[in-house]
Amino acid sequence: MRRPRANPGVQAALGFRAHSGWAVVVAVAGAGKTLRVIERRRIELVDPTAAGTVQPYHTVRDWDLTRAETFLEEASRRSCSLASEALENVIDSVKHEGGQLGGYGLLVGSGRLPSTLGEILKSHPMIHTAEGEFFRNSLAHAAEECGLAVIRIKERDVITRAASDLQISADKLVARLKEIGRTLGPPWRQDEKLATLAAAVALAGSPG
């Protein structure tokens, strides 16, 4: 089924949910009961030919710090480049559908990282946290390259925050997500739902 087309010039926003090596992006327009998805896709954040980059911190956990830092810097450069290219394609698609992008919502975790790479690599949970932050940073960098302001939203708070920004109840917002999913058809997983909420926050222009 074809996704709903935005009216020419209508404000739209993007929402992202990142994973290790890839992310889901959703573009939305409208508000509240009229909230609709005008674009959704998976984007790749690693080069499949570059060994070890899907889980870069796992890859370097037993390396000496100088070698590890060099690898992570190069992996970050590649990931940022891929994210920028993918984002440019998404922006072009949204504009083709008549939308004018005005925001970028990025879902983030709640964990805090140690201040040094050495401390991160000593802790397996911190390695996972660092990899999540690694790919979210790639997406944030891409937004800056494209001139979009990033609103970071804690994933655990996104339903409450989106409902507040859109001035509807959380129950009505969840019901609206179900309606959108029925209209669009699959895929409509947790990734797409949460990315939609992140985009809704960005669309509402919430300052943070």
C-alpha atoms as a PDB file:
ATOM      1  CA  MET A   1       0.000   0.000   0.000  1.00  0.00           C
ATOM      2  CA  ARG A   2       1.296   3.450  -0.896  1.00  0.00           C
ATOM      3  CA  ARG A   3       2.169   5.650   2.089  1.00  0.00           C
ATOM      4  CA  PRO A   4       0.063   8.815   2.601  1.00  0.00           C
ATOM      5  CA  ARG A   5       1.446  11.783   0.687  1.00  0.00           C
ATOM      6  CA  ALA A   6       2.100  15.001   2.539  1.00  0.00           C
ATOM      7  CA  ASN A   7       0.401  18.130   1.314  1.00  0.00           C
ATOM      8  CA  PRO A   8       2.854  20.439  -0.487  1.00  0.00           C
ATOM      9  CA  GLY A   9       4.829  22.489   2.002  1.00  0.00           C
ATOM     10  CA  VAL A  10       3.517  20.690   5.106  1.00  0.00           C
ATOM     11  CA  GLN A  11       5.898  20.502   8.042  1.00  0.00           C
ATOM     12  CA  ALA A  12       7.463  17.092   8.600  1.00  0.00           C
ATOM     13  CA  ALA A  13      10.029  15.618  10.973  1.00  0.00           C
ATOM     14  CA  LEU A  14      12.243  12.548  11.215  1.00  0.00           C
ATOM     15  CA  GLY A  15      12.619  10.043  14.031  1.00  0.00           C
ATOM     16  CA  PHE A  16      15.403   7.480  14.437  1.00  0.00           C
ATOM     17  CA  ARG A  17      15.915   4.329  16.451  1.00  0.00           C
ATOM     18  CA  ALA A  18      19.460   2.996  16.176  1.00  0.00           C
ATOM     19  CA  HIS A  19      20.854  -0.514  16.457  1.00  0.00           C
ATOM     20  CA  SER A  20      24.360  -1.919  16.017  1.00  0.00           C
ATOM     21  CA  GLY A  21      25.149  -1.128  12.398  1.00  0.00           C
ATOM     22  CA  TRP A  22      21.731   0.063  11.282  1.00  0.00           C
ATOM     23  CA  ALA A  23      18.751   2.226  12.189  1.00  0.00           C
ATOM     24  CA  VAL A  24      15.089   2.699  11.414  1.00  0.00           C
ATOM     25  CA  VAL A  25      13.979   6.136  10.282  1.00  0.00           C
ATOM     26  CA  VAL A  26      10.384   7.360  10.080  1.00  0.00           C
ATOM     27  CA  ALA A  27       9.150  10.688   8.726  1.00  0.00           C
ATOM     28  CA  VAL A  28       5.855  12.068  10.024  1.00  0.00           C
ATOM     29  CA  ALA A  29       3.538  14.958   9.339  1.00  0.00           C
ATOM     30  CA  GLY A  30       0.399  16.188  11.092  1.00  0.00           C
ATOM     31  CA  ALA A  31      -0.356  16.126  14.814  1.00  0.00           C
ATOM     32  CA  GLY A  32      -2.476  14.186  17.276  1.00  0.00           C
ATOM     33  CA  LYS A  33      -5.250  12.335  15.485  1.00  0.00           C
ATOM     34  CA  THR A  34      -3.931  13.558  12.122  1.00  0.00           C
ATOM     35  CA  LEU A  35      -0.375  12.295  12.723  1.00  0.00           C
ATOM     36  CA  ARG A  36       0.694  10.228   9.722  1.00  0.00           C
ATOM     37  CA  VAL A  37       3.799   8.514   8.409  1.00  0.00           C
ATOM     38  CA  ILE A  38       5.047   9.714   5.021  1.00  0.00           C
ATOM     39  CA  GLU A  39       8.312   7.759   4.907  1.00  0.00           C
ATOM     40  CA  ARG A  40       9.883   4.795   6.685  1.00  0.00           C
ATOM     41  CA  ARG A  41      12.944   2.736   5.982  1.00  0.00           C
ATOM     42  CA  ARG A  42      15.963   0.936   7.368  1.00  0.00           C
ATOM     43  CA  ILE A  43      19.319   2.569   6.817  1.00  0.00           C
ATOM     44  CA  GLU A  44      22.739   0.953   7.067  1.00  0.00           C
ATOM     45  CA  LEU A  45      25.418   2.520   9.241  1.00  0.00           C
ATOM     46  CA  VAL A  46      28.320   0.178   8.490  1.00  0.00           C
ATOM     47  CA  ASP A  47      30.126  -1.049   5.404  1.00  0.00           C
ATOM     48  CA  PRO A  48      29.570  -4.836   5.285  1.00  0.00           C
ATOM     49  CA  THR A  49      33.057  -5.285   3.831  1.00  0.00           C
ATOM     50  CA  ALA A  50      34.688  -3.559   6.836  1.00  0.00           C
ATOM     51  CA  ALA A  51      35.321  -6.325   9.354  1.00  0.00           C
ATOM     52  CA  GLY A  52      34.411  -5.707  12.975  1.00  0.00           C
ATOM     53  CA  THR A  53      32.463  -2.495  12.478  1.00  0.00           C
ATOM     54  CA  VAL A  54      29.000  -3.794  13.388  1.00  0.00           C
ATOM     55  CA  GLN A  55      30.156  -4.156  17.009  1.00  0.00           C
ATOM     56  CA  PRO A  56      33.246  -1.949  17.065  1.00  0.00           C
ATOM     57  CA  TYR A  57      33.790  -1.880  20.828  1.00  0.00           C
ATOM     58  CA  HIS A  58      33.469  -5.649  21.052  1.00  0.00           C
ATOM     59  CA  THR A  59      36.039  -5.911  18.272  1.00  0.00           C
ATOM     60  CA  VAL A  60      38.659  -3.867  20.137  1.00  0.00           C
ATOM     61  CA  ARG A  61      37.991  -4.984  23.703  1.00  0.00           C
ATOM     62  CA  ASP A  62      41.286  -6.926  23.938  1.00  0.00           C
ATOM     63  CA  TRP A  63      43.415  -4.540  21.845  1.00  0.00           C
ATOM     64  CA  ASP A  64      45.927  -2.048  23.187  1.00  0.00           C
ATOM     65  CA  LEU A  65      44.342   1.397  23.578  1.00  0.00           C
ATOM     66  CA  THR A  66      46.247   3.136  20.785  1.00  0.00           C
ATOM     67  CA  ARG A  67      45.229   0.531  18.228  1.00  0.00           C
ATOM     68  CA  ALA A  68      41.668   0.488  19.566  1.00  0.00           C
ATOM     69  CA  GLU A  69      41.326   4.281  19.343  1.00  0.00           C
ATOM     70  CA  THR A  70      42.595   4.286  15.759  1.00  0.00           C
ATOM     71  CA  PHE A  71      40.120   1.578  14.760  1.00  0.00           C
ATOM     72  CA  LEU A  72      37.194   3.326  16.444  1.00  0.00           C
ATOM     73  CA  GLU A  73      38.047   6.665  14.851  1.00  0.00           C
ATOM     74  CA  GLU A  74      38.123   5.108  11.381  1.00  0.00           C
ATOM     75  CA  ALA A  75      34.933   3.139  12.023  1.00  0.00           C
ATOM     76  CA  SER A  76      33.246   6.336  13.201  1.00  0.00           C
ATOM     77  CA  ARG A  77      34.350   8.206  10.098  1.00  0.00           C
ATOM     78  CA  ARG A  78      32.884   5.508   7.856  1.00  0.00           C
ATOM     79  CA  SER A  79      29.665   5.280   9.854  1.00  0.00           C
ATOM     80  CA  CYS A  80      29.167   9.063   9.811  1.00  0.00           C
ATOM     81  CA  SER A  81      29.681   9.112   6.053  1.00  0.00           C
ATOM     82  CA  LEU A  82      27.121   6.339   5.492  1.00  0.00           C
ATOM     83  CA  ALA A  83      24.645   8.010   7.847  1.00  0.00           C
ATOM     84  CA  SER A  84      24.989  11.333   6.020  1.00  0.00           C
ATOM     85  CA  GLU A  85      24.452   9.690   2.643  1.00  0.00           C
ATOM     86  CA  ALA A  86      21.405   7.798   3.890  1.00  0.00           C
ATOM     87  CA  LEU A  87      19.937  10.890   5.512  1.00  0.00           C
ATOM     88  CA  GLU A  88      20.320  12.914   2.340  1.00  0.00           C
ATOM     89  CA  ASN A  89      18.350  10.221   0.498  1.00  0.00           C
ATOM     90  CA  VAL A  90      15.612  10.294   3.142  1.00  0.00           C
ATOM     91  CA  ILE A  91      15.402  14.086   2.967  1.00  0.00           C
ATOM     92  CA  ASP A  92      15.101  13.957  -0.815  1.00  0.00           C
ATOM     93  CA  SER A  93      12.306  11.399  -0.523  1.00  0.00           C
ATOM     94  CA  VAL A  94      10.401  13.478   2.037  1.00  0.00           C
ATOM     95  CA  LYS A  95      10.725  16.585  -0.123  1.00  0.00           C
ATOM     96  CA  HIS A  96       9.500  14.590  -3.119  1.00  0.00           C
ATOM     97  CA  GLU A  97       6.403  13.727  -1.090  1.00  0.00           C
ATOM     98  CA  GLY A  98       5.822  17.431  -0.445  1.00  0.00           C
ATOM     99  CA  GLY A  99       7.141  17.623   3.119  1.00  0.00           C
ATOM    100  CA  GLN A 100       9.334  20.382   4.540  1.00  0.00           C
ATOM    101  CA  LEU A 101      11.592  19.006   7.254  1.00  0.00           C
ATOM    102  CA  GLY A 102      11.641  20.947  10.489  1.00  0.00           C
ATOM    103  CA  GLY A 103      13.058  18.535  13.059  1.00  0.00           C
ATOM    104  CA  TYR A 104      14.990  15.380  13.871  1.00  0.00           C
ATOM    105  CA  GLY A 105      14.194  13.180  16.861  1.00  0.00           C
ATOM    106  CA  LEU A 106      16.841  10.721  18.023  1.00  0.00           C
ATOM    107  CA  LEU A 107      16.048   8.067  20.611  1.00  0.00           C
ATOM    108  CA  VAL A 108      18.788   7.601  23.204  1.00  0.00           C
ATOM    109  CA  GLY A 109      19.428   5.322  26.146  1.00  0.00           C
ATOM    110  CA  SER A 110      19.677   6.214  29.804  1.00  0.00           C
ATOM    111  CA  GLY A 111      23.107   4.754  30.551  1.00  0.00           C
ATOM    112  CA  ARG A 112      26.171   6.872  31.256  1.00  0.00           C
ATOM    113  CA  LEU A 113      29.593   6.059  29.894  1.00  0.00           C
ATOM    114  CA  PRO A 114      32.906   6.209  31.772  1.00  0.00           C
ATOM    115  CA  SER A 115      35.194   9.042  30.745  1.00  0.00           C
ATOM    116  CA  THR A 116      37.949   6.894  29.215  1.00  0.00           C
ATOM    117  CA  LEU A 117      38.105   4.161  26.593  1.00  0.00           C
ATOM    118  CA  GLY A 118      40.081   1.968  28.972  1.00  0.00           C
ATOM    119  CA  GLU A 119      37.266   2.038  31.530  1.00  0.00           C
ATOM    120  CA  ILE A 120      34.667   1.254  28.866  1.00  0.00           C
ATOM    121  CA  LEU A 121      36.553  -1.780  27.572  1.00  0.00           C
ATOM    122  CA  LYS A 122      36.837  -3.264  31.078  1.00  0.00           C
ATOM    123  CA  SER A 123      33.045  -3.558  31.366  1.00  0.00           C
ATOM    124  CA  HIS A 124      30.878  -5.635  29.034  1.00  0.00           C
ATOM    125  CA  PRO A 125      27.711  -3.646  29.844  1.00  0.00           C
ATOM    126  CA  MET A 126      29.599  -0.418  29.099  1.00  0.00           C
ATOM    127  CA  ILE A 127      30.770  -1.862  25.785  1.00  0.00           C
ATOM    128  CA  HIS A 128      27.123  -2.330  24.796  1.00  0.00           C
ATOM    129  CA  THR A 129      26.272   1.178  25.993  1.00  0.00           C
ATOM    130  CA  ALA A 130      29.207   2.618  24.055  1.00  0.00           C
ATOM    131  CA  GLU A 131      28.154   0.892  20.845  1.00  0.00           C
ATOM    132  CA  GLY A 132      24.658   2.301  21.139  1.00  0.00           C
ATOM    133  CA  GLU A 133      26.105   5.769  21.617  1.00  0.00           C
ATOM    134  CA  PHE A 134      28.550   5.209  18.744  1.00  0.00           C
ATOM    135  CA  PHE A 135      25.801   4.728  16.162  1.00  0.00           C
ATOM    136  CA  ARG A 136      23.552   7.401  17.629  1.00  0.00           C
ATOM    137  CA  ASN A 137      26.454   9.822  17.322  1.00  0.00           C
ATOM    138  CA  SER A 138      26.776   8.884  13.654  1.00  0.00           C
ATOM    139  CA  LEU A 139      23.130   9.807  13.137  1.00  0.00           C
ATOM    140  CA  ALA A 140      23.511  13.067  15.055  1.00  0.00           C
ATOM    141  CA  HIS A 141      26.570  13.963  12.984  1.00  0.00           C
ATOM    142  CA  ALA A 142      24.606  13.294   9.801  1.00  0.00           C
ATOM    143  CA  ALA A 143      21.832  15.615  10.969  1.00  0.00           C
ATOM    144  CA  GLU A 144      24.310  18.401  11.626  1.00  0.00           C
ATOM    145  CA  GLU A 145      25.850  17.873   8.177  1.00  0.00           C
ATOM    146  CA  CYS A 146      22.386  18.301   6.672  1.00  0.00           C
ATOM    147  CA  GLY A 147      21.596  21.373   8.757  1.00  0.00           C
ATOM    148  CA  LEU A 148      18.982  19.728  10.981  1.00  0.00           C
ATOM    149  CA  ALA A 149      18.703  20.347  14.702  1.00  0.00           C
ATOM    150  CA  VAL A 150      18.677  17.161  16.781  1.00  0.00           C
ATOM    151  CA  ILE A 151      16.313  16.574  19.676  1.00  0.00           C
ATOM    152  CA  ARG A 152      17.560  13.705  21.849  1.00  0.00           C
ATOM    153  CA  ILE A 153      14.753  11.801  23.570  1.00  0.00           C
ATOM    154  CA  LYS A 154      15.193   9.096  26.172  1.00  0.00           C
ATOM    155  CA  GLU A 155      13.504   6.017  24.797  1.00  0.00           C
ATOM    156  CA  ARG A 156      11.892   5.163  28.123  1.00  0.00           C
ATOM    157  CA  ASP A 157      10.164   8.572  28.171  1.00  0.00           C
ATOM    158  CA  VAL A 158       9.155   8.911  24.525  1.00  0.00           C
ATOM    159  CA  ILE A 159       5.478   7.915  24.827  1.00  0.00           C
ATOM    160  CA  THR A 160       4.845  10.298  27.712  1.00  0.00           C
ATOM    161  CA  ARG A 161       6.774  13.100  26.045  1.00  0.00           C
ATOM    162  CA  ALA A 162       5.113  12.676  22.645  1.00  0.00           C
ATOM    163  CA  ALA A 163       1.657  12.617  24.223  1.00  0.00           C
ATOM    164  CA  SER A 164       2.451  15.823  26.131  1.00  0.00           C
ATOM    165  CA  ASP A 165       3.871  17.598  23.093  1.00  0.00           C
ATOM    166  CA  LEU A 166       0.941  16.568  20.893  1.00  0.00           C
ATOM    167  CA  GLN A 167      -1.534  17.419  23.680  1.00  0.00           C
ATOM    168  CA  ILE A 168      -3.316  14.082  23.626  1.00  0.00           C
ATOM    169  CA  SER A 169      -3.451  11.243  26.143  1.00  0.00           C
ATOM    170  CA  ALA A 170      -0.922   8.424  26.008  1.00  0.00           C
ATOM    171  CA  ASP A 171      -3.781   5.973  25.397  1.00  0.00           C
ATOM    172  CA  LYS A 172      -5.016   7.951  22.397  1.00  0.00           C
ATOM    173  CA  LEU A 173      -1.483   8.205  21.056  1.00  0.00           C
ATOM    174  CA  VAL A 174      -0.986   4.443  21.306  1.00  0.00           C
ATOM    175  CA  ALA A 175      -4.339   3.949  19.558  1.00  0.00           C
ATOM    176  CA  ARG A 176      -3.224   6.317  16.805  1.00  0.00           C
ATOM    177  CA  LEU A 177      -0.053   4.279  16.340  1.00  0.00           C
ATOM    178  CA  LYS A 178      -2.173   1.167  15.868  1.00  0.00           C
ATOM    179  CA  GLU A 179      -4.303   2.961  13.273  1.00  0.00           C
ATOM    180  CA  ILE A 180      -1.193   4.079  11.403  1.00  0.00           C
ATOM    181  CA  GLY A 181       0.122   0.523  11.401  1.00  0.00           C
ATOM    182  CA  ARG A 182      -3.124  -0.842  10.002  1.00  0.00           C
ATOM    183  CA  THR A 183      -3.070   1.748   7.244  1.00  0.00           C
ATOM    184  CA  LEU A 184       0.575   1.234   6.301  1.00  0.00           C
ATOM    185  CA  GLY A 185       0.880  -2.505   6.756  1.00  0.00           C
ATOM    186  CA  PRO A 186       4.118  -4.244   7.716  1.00  0.00           C
ATOM    187  CA  PRO A 187       6.763  -3.645   8.759  1.00  0.00           C
ATOM    188  CA  TRP A 188       5.290  -1.964  11.811  1.00  0.00           C
ATOM    189  CA  ARG A 189       7.411  -3.182  14.685  1.00  0.00           C
ATOM    190  CA  GLN A 190       8.572  -1.516  17.875  1.00  0.00           C
ATOM    191  CA  ASP A 191      11.330   0.177  15.867  1.00  0.00           C
ATOM    192  CA  GLU A 192       8.900   1.955  13.566  1.00  0.00           C
ATOM    193  CA  LYS A 193       6.503   2.844  16.393  1.00  0.00           C
ATOM    194  CA  LEU A 194       9.170   4.384  18.616  1.00  0.00           C
ATOM    195  CA  ALA A 195      10.825   6.192  15.708  1.00  0.00           C
ATOM    196  CA  THR A 196       7.402   7.635  14.862  1.00  0.00           C
ATOM    197  CA  LEU A 197       7.057   8.953  18.399  1.00  0.00           C
ATOM    198  CA  ALA A 198      10.534  10.484  18.251  1.00  0.00           C
ATOM    199  CA  ALA A 199       9.588  12.206  15.020  1.00  0.00           C
ATOM    200  CA  ALA A 200       6.361  13.461  16.605  1.00  0.00           C
ATOM    201  CA  VAL A 201       8.359  15.089  19.417  1.00  0.00           C
ATOM    202  CA  ALA A 202      10.656  16.732  16.887  1.00  0.00           C
ATOM    203  CA  LEU A 203       7.670  17.888  14.852  1.00  0.00           C
ATOM    204  CA  ALA A 204       6.162  19.514  17.914  1.00  0.00           C
ATOM    205  CA  GLY A 205       9.378  21.478  18.316  1.00  0.00           C
ATOM    206  CA  SER A 206      10.029  20.439  21.897  1.00  0.00           C
ATOM    207  CA  PRO A 207      13.265  22.100  23.082  1.00  0.00           C
ATOM    208  CA  GLY A 208      14.680  19.088  24.927  1.00  0.00           C
END
